[in-house]
Amino acid sequence: MKLTVAAALALVTLSVLCSPASAEICPSFLQALEALLVGSVSDYEAAIAMFMPEKDMKDAGVYLKIQIDSFPPQTKKGLQKLMQKMATSPLCSEDSQAEDLHPQKP
C-alpha cells in the first residue's frame, strides 16, 4: 500500500509540474508539497488551507501525509530527490514535448 501511495504522489506531482498550464510552478503548491514530505501534519494542514479544500479533500490529504510520515527517513529523502529531479528535468522545460502528455480538449 505504501509504495502505491508514493507512486501515486510521484505521478500526480509529475503531471502538475510538467503541465503546460504550469510554466511557473505555484509557490504555494511547492510549499504544500514540502510540508507533505518533511513538515508536520499541522504544517501540511496550514499549507493546504489557502487552497480552501473541501473536507473530503483535506481528510484525504491528511491521510496521505500520515502515510508518508510512516515511511523510513531514507524513503522520504528519496521522494524529495525524485520530486526535485522531475521538477528540473528537461521533460518539464518549455521546449519539451510535455504538451503531448496533456492533449488539449477540442
N, C-alpha and C. Protein backbone atom coordinates (compact mmCIF):
# COMPACT_ATOMS: atom_id res chain seq x y z
N MET A 1 0.83 -1.20 0.00
CA MET A 1 0.00 0.00 0.00
C MET A 1 0.86 1.25 0.00
N LYS A 2 1.93 1.27 0.80
CA LYS A 2 2.76 2.47 0.90
C LYS A 2 3.43 2.79 -0.43
N LEU A 3 3.90 1.78 -1.13
CA LEU A 3 4.53 2.02 -2.42
C LEU A 3 3.51 2.60 -3.40
N THR A 4 2.30 2.13 -3.34
CA THR A 4 1.25 2.64 -4.22
C THR A 4 0.99 4.12 -3.94
N VAL A 5 0.97 4.51 -2.67
CA VAL A 5 0.77 5.91 -2.31
C VAL A 5 1.92 6.75 -2.86
N ALA A 6 3.14 6.28 -2.70
CA ALA A 6 4.30 7.02 -3.20
C ALA A 6 4.27 7.13 -4.72
N ALA A 7 3.90 6.06 -5.38
CA ALA A 7 3.82 6.09 -6.84
C ALA A 7 2.75 7.06 -7.31
N ALA A 8 1.61 7.04 -6.64
CA ALA A 8 0.54 7.98 -6.99
C ALA A 8 0.98 9.42 -6.79
N LEU A 9 1.65 9.68 -5.68
CA LEU A 9 2.15 11.03 -5.40
C LEU A 9 3.13 11.47 -6.49
N ALA A 10 4.03 10.59 -6.86
CA ALA A 10 5.01 10.93 -7.89
C ALA A 10 4.34 11.22 -9.23
N LEU A 11 3.37 10.41 -9.61
CA LEU A 11 2.69 10.62 -10.89
C LEU A 11 1.88 11.92 -10.90
N VAL A 12 1.18 12.19 -9.81
CA VAL A 12 0.40 13.43 -9.73
C VAL A 12 1.33 14.63 -9.78
N THR A 13 2.42 14.57 -9.03
CA THR A 13 3.36 15.68 -9.00
C THR A 13 3.99 15.91 -10.37
N LEU A 14 4.39 14.84 -11.03
CA LEU A 14 4.97 14.97 -12.36
C LEU A 14 3.95 15.58 -13.32
N SER A 15 2.72 15.14 -13.23
CA SER A 15 1.67 15.69 -14.09
C SER A 15 1.49 17.19 -13.88
N VAL A 16 1.48 17.60 -12.62
CA VAL A 16 1.29 19.02 -12.31
C VAL A 16 2.52 19.83 -12.70
N LEU A 17 3.70 19.34 -12.34
CA LEU A 17 4.92 20.09 -12.62
C LEU A 17 5.19 20.22 -14.11
N CYS A 18 4.80 19.23 -14.88
CA CYS A 18 5.09 19.25 -16.31
C CYS A 18 3.89 19.68 -17.15
N SER A 19 2.84 20.09 -16.52
CA SER A 19 1.66 20.53 -17.25
C SER A 19 1.96 21.80 -18.02
N PRO A 20 1.49 21.93 -19.24
CA PRO A 20 1.70 23.17 -19.99
C PRO A 20 1.10 24.37 -19.27
N ALA A 21 0.11 24.14 -18.44
CA ALA A 21 -0.52 25.25 -17.72
C ALA A 21 0.35 25.75 -16.58
N SER A 22 1.43 25.02 -16.26
CA SER A 22 2.25 25.44 -15.14
C SER A 22 3.65 25.82 -15.59
N ALA A 23 3.73 26.81 -16.46
CA ALA A 23 5.03 27.30 -16.91
C ALA A 23 5.84 27.74 -15.71
N GLU A 24 5.17 28.33 -14.74
CA GLU A 24 5.80 28.63 -13.47
C GLU A 24 5.05 27.82 -12.42
N ILE A 25 5.80 27.18 -11.54
CA ILE A 25 5.18 26.36 -10.52
C ILE A 25 4.68 27.27 -9.41
N CYS A 26 3.46 27.06 -9.01
CA CYS A 26 2.84 27.84 -7.95
C CYS A 26 3.64 27.67 -6.65
N PRO A 27 4.18 28.75 -6.10
CA PRO A 27 4.96 28.64 -4.86
C PRO A 27 4.17 28.04 -3.71
N SER A 28 2.88 28.31 -3.64
CA SER A 28 2.06 27.73 -2.58
C SER A 28 1.93 26.22 -2.73
N PHE A 29 1.88 25.75 -3.98
CA PHE A 29 1.86 24.31 -4.23
C PHE A 29 3.16 23.67 -3.76
N LEU A 30 4.28 24.32 -4.07
CA LEU A 30 5.57 23.79 -3.63
C LEU A 30 5.68 23.77 -2.12
N GLN A 31 5.14 24.79 -1.46
CA GLN A 31 5.15 24.84 0.00
C GLN A 31 4.32 23.67 0.55
N ALA A 32 3.18 23.40 -0.04
CA ALA A 32 2.34 22.29 0.39
C ALA A 32 3.04 20.95 0.16
N LEU A 33 3.70 20.81 -0.99
CA LEU A 33 4.43 19.58 -1.28
C LEU A 33 5.57 19.38 -0.29
N GLU A 34 6.29 20.45 0.02
CA GLU A 34 7.37 20.35 1.00
C GLU A 34 6.83 19.95 2.37
N ALA A 35 5.71 20.56 2.78
CA ALA A 35 5.10 20.21 4.07
C ALA A 35 4.64 18.76 4.05
N LEU A 36 4.15 18.30 2.91
CA LEU A 36 3.71 16.91 2.78
C LEU A 36 4.87 15.95 3.03
N LEU A 37 6.03 16.28 2.48
CA LEU A 37 7.17 15.37 2.58
C LEU A 37 7.96 15.51 3.87
N VAL A 38 8.12 16.74 4.39
CA VAL A 38 9.01 16.91 5.54
C VAL A 38 8.41 17.67 6.71
N GLY A 39 7.25 18.25 6.56
CA GLY A 39 6.65 19.01 7.64
C GLY A 39 5.82 18.14 8.57
N SER A 40 5.25 18.77 9.57
CA SER A 40 4.33 18.08 10.47
C SER A 40 2.94 18.06 9.84
N VAL A 41 2.04 17.31 10.44
CA VAL A 41 0.66 17.28 9.94
C VAL A 41 0.06 18.69 10.01
N SER A 42 0.34 19.40 11.11
CA SER A 42 -0.22 20.77 11.22
C SER A 42 0.42 21.71 10.20
N ASP A 43 1.71 21.52 9.88
CA ASP A 43 2.34 22.32 8.82
C ASP A 43 1.63 22.07 7.49
N TYR A 44 1.34 20.79 7.22
CA TYR A 44 0.68 20.43 5.97
C TYR A 44 -0.73 21.01 5.92
N GLU A 45 -1.47 20.89 7.01
CA GLU A 45 -2.83 21.44 7.04
C GLU A 45 -2.81 22.95 6.79
N ALA A 46 -1.84 23.63 7.39
CA ALA A 46 -1.73 25.08 7.18
C ALA A 46 -1.39 25.39 5.72
N ALA A 47 -0.51 24.59 5.12
CA ALA A 47 -0.08 24.83 3.74
C ALA A 47 -1.22 24.62 2.75
N ILE A 48 -2.10 23.66 3.03
CA ILE A 48 -3.20 23.42 2.08
C ILE A 48 -4.42 24.28 2.37
N ALA A 49 -4.48 24.88 3.55
CA ALA A 49 -5.65 25.67 3.94
C ALA A 49 -5.93 26.81 2.96
N MET A 50 -4.87 27.41 2.41
CA MET A 50 -5.05 28.54 1.49
C MET A 50 -5.76 28.14 0.20
N PHE A 51 -5.78 26.84 -0.09
CA PHE A 51 -6.48 26.35 -1.28
C PHE A 51 -7.96 26.07 -1.00
N MET A 52 -8.36 26.25 0.25
CA MET A 52 -9.74 26.05 0.69
C MET A 52 -10.32 24.69 0.24
N PRO A 53 -9.61 23.60 0.59
CA PRO A 53 -10.12 22.29 0.18
C PRO A 53 -11.41 21.93 0.93
N GLU A 54 -12.25 21.17 0.27
CA GLU A 54 -13.43 20.65 0.93
C GLU A 54 -12.98 19.62 1.96
N LYS A 55 -13.85 19.28 2.89
CA LYS A 55 -13.49 18.39 3.99
C LYS A 55 -12.93 17.06 3.49
N ASP A 56 -13.57 16.47 2.48
CA ASP A 56 -13.08 15.19 1.99
C ASP A 56 -11.69 15.31 1.36
N MET A 57 -11.42 16.44 0.72
CA MET A 57 -10.10 16.68 0.14
C MET A 57 -9.06 16.81 1.25
N LYS A 58 -9.39 17.61 2.26
CA LYS A 58 -8.47 17.80 3.38
C LYS A 58 -8.21 16.48 4.09
N ASP A 59 -9.26 15.72 4.33
CA ASP A 59 -9.11 14.43 5.01
C ASP A 59 -8.23 13.49 4.20
N ALA A 60 -8.41 13.47 2.88
CA ALA A 60 -7.58 12.61 2.02
C ALA A 60 -6.13 13.06 2.06
N GLY A 61 -5.90 14.37 2.03
CA GLY A 61 -4.54 14.90 2.10
C GLY A 61 -3.87 14.57 3.43
N VAL A 62 -4.60 14.70 4.52
CA VAL A 62 -4.05 14.38 5.84
C VAL A 62 -3.75 12.89 5.92
N TYR A 63 -4.63 12.07 5.36
CA TYR A 63 -4.38 10.62 5.33
C TYR A 63 -3.08 10.32 4.57
N LEU A 64 -2.91 10.97 3.41
CA LEU A 64 -1.68 10.80 2.63
C LEU A 64 -0.48 11.24 3.44
N LYS A 65 -0.59 12.37 4.13
CA LYS A 65 0.51 12.88 4.95
C LYS A 65 0.89 11.87 6.03
N ILE A 66 -0.11 11.30 6.70
CA ILE A 66 0.16 10.32 7.75
C ILE A 66 0.85 9.09 7.17
N GLN A 67 0.42 8.67 5.98
CA GLN A 67 1.08 7.53 5.33
C GLN A 67 2.53 7.86 5.00
N ILE A 68 2.78 9.03 4.46
CA ILE A 68 4.15 9.42 4.12
C ILE A 68 5.01 9.53 5.38
N ASP A 69 4.42 10.04 6.47
CA ASP A 69 5.18 10.15 7.72
C ASP A 69 5.62 8.79 8.25
N SER A 70 4.92 7.73 7.85
CA SER A 70 5.30 6.39 8.32
C SER A 70 6.43 5.78 7.48
N PHE A 71 6.81 6.42 6.39
CA PHE A 71 7.91 5.93 5.56
C PHE A 71 9.22 6.08 6.31
N PRO A 72 10.18 5.19 6.05
CA PRO A 72 11.52 5.36 6.63
C PRO A 72 12.15 6.67 6.12
N PRO A 73 13.00 7.30 6.93
CA PRO A 73 13.63 8.57 6.51
C PRO A 73 14.30 8.49 5.14
N GLN A 74 14.94 7.38 4.84
CA GLN A 74 15.63 7.25 3.55
C GLN A 74 14.62 7.27 2.39
N THR A 75 13.46 6.70 2.60
CA THR A 75 12.42 6.70 1.56
C THR A 75 11.91 8.11 1.33
N LYS A 76 11.68 8.85 2.42
CA LYS A 76 11.21 10.24 2.27
C LYS A 76 12.27 11.09 1.58
N LYS A 77 13.54 10.86 1.92
CA LYS A 77 14.62 11.61 1.26
C LYS A 77 14.65 11.26 -0.23
N GLY A 78 14.44 9.99 -0.55
CA GLY A 78 14.40 9.57 -1.95
C GLY A 78 13.25 10.23 -2.70
N LEU A 79 12.09 10.35 -2.05
CA LEU A 79 10.95 11.03 -2.67
C LEU A 79 11.27 12.49 -2.94
N GLN A 80 11.92 13.15 -1.98
CA GLN A 80 12.31 14.55 -2.18
C GLN A 80 13.23 14.67 -3.38
N LYS A 81 14.22 13.79 -3.48
CA LYS A 81 15.16 13.83 -4.59
C LYS A 81 14.44 13.56 -5.92
N LEU A 82 13.49 12.63 -5.89
CA LEU A 82 12.72 12.33 -7.09
C LEU A 82 11.92 13.54 -7.55
N MET A 83 11.24 14.20 -6.62
CA MET A 83 10.45 15.39 -6.97
C MET A 83 11.34 16.48 -7.54
N GLN A 84 12.51 16.67 -6.93
CA GLN A 84 13.45 17.68 -7.43
C GLN A 84 13.93 17.32 -8.84
N LYS A 85 14.23 16.05 -9.04
CA LYS A 85 14.70 15.60 -10.35
C LYS A 85 13.62 15.81 -11.41
N MET A 86 12.37 15.49 -11.06
CA MET A 86 11.28 15.67 -12.02
C MET A 86 11.07 17.15 -12.32
N ALA A 87 11.10 17.99 -11.29
CA ALA A 87 10.84 19.41 -11.49
C ALA A 87 11.91 20.08 -12.34
N THR A 88 13.13 19.56 -12.29
CA THR A 88 14.24 20.17 -13.04
C THR A 88 14.58 19.39 -14.31
N SER A 89 13.77 18.41 -14.63
CA SER A 89 14.01 17.57 -15.81
C SER A 89 13.81 18.37 -17.09
N PRO A 90 14.58 18.04 -18.12
CA PRO A 90 14.34 18.65 -19.44
C PRO A 90 12.92 18.36 -19.95
N LEU A 91 12.31 17.29 -19.46
CA LEU A 91 10.93 16.99 -19.86
C LEU A 91 9.97 18.07 -19.40
N CYS A 92 10.35 18.81 -18.37
CA CYS A 92 9.48 19.87 -17.84
C CYS A 92 9.88 21.26 -18.33
N SER A 93 10.81 21.32 -19.26
CA SER A 93 11.21 22.62 -19.79
C SER A 93 10.18 23.10 -20.80
N GLU A 94 10.21 24.39 -21.06
CA GLU A 94 9.27 24.98 -22.02
C GLU A 94 9.45 24.41 -23.42
N ASP A 95 10.67 23.97 -23.74
CA ASP A 95 10.96 23.47 -25.07
C ASP A 95 10.66 21.98 -25.24
N SER A 96 10.17 21.33 -24.18
CA SER A 96 9.96 19.88 -24.24
C SER A 96 8.66 19.55 -24.96
N GLN A 97 8.46 18.30 -25.14
CA GLN A 97 7.23 17.81 -25.75
C GLN A 97 6.21 17.45 -24.68
N ALA A 98 6.33 18.01 -23.47
CA ALA A 98 5.42 17.68 -22.37
C ALA A 98 3.97 17.93 -22.75
N GLU A 99 3.74 18.86 -23.66
CA GLU A 99 2.37 19.15 -24.07
C GLU A 99 1.70 17.90 -24.63
N ASP A 100 2.48 17.03 -25.26
CA ASP A 100 1.92 15.82 -25.84
C ASP A 100 1.34 14.91 -24.77
N LEU A 101 1.80 15.03 -23.53
CA LEU A 101 1.29 14.21 -22.45
C LEU A 101 -0.06 14.69 -21.97
N HIS A 102 -0.42 15.92 -22.30
CA HIS A 102 -1.66 16.55 -21.86
C HIS A 102 -2.40 17.14 -23.05
N PRO A 103 -2.99 16.29 -23.89
CA PRO A 103 -3.65 16.85 -25.08
C PRO A 103 -4.77 17.80 -24.71
N GLN A 104 -4.89 18.85 -25.49
CA GLN A 104 -5.93 19.85 -25.27
C GLN A 104 -7.26 19.30 -25.75
N LYS A 105 -8.31 19.60 -25.01
CA LYS A 105 -9.65 19.18 -25.42
C LYS A 105 -10.15 20.11 -26.52
N PRO A 106 -10.83 19.53 -27.52
CA PRO A 106 -11.32 20.38 -28.64
C PRO A 106 -12.40 21.32 -28.19
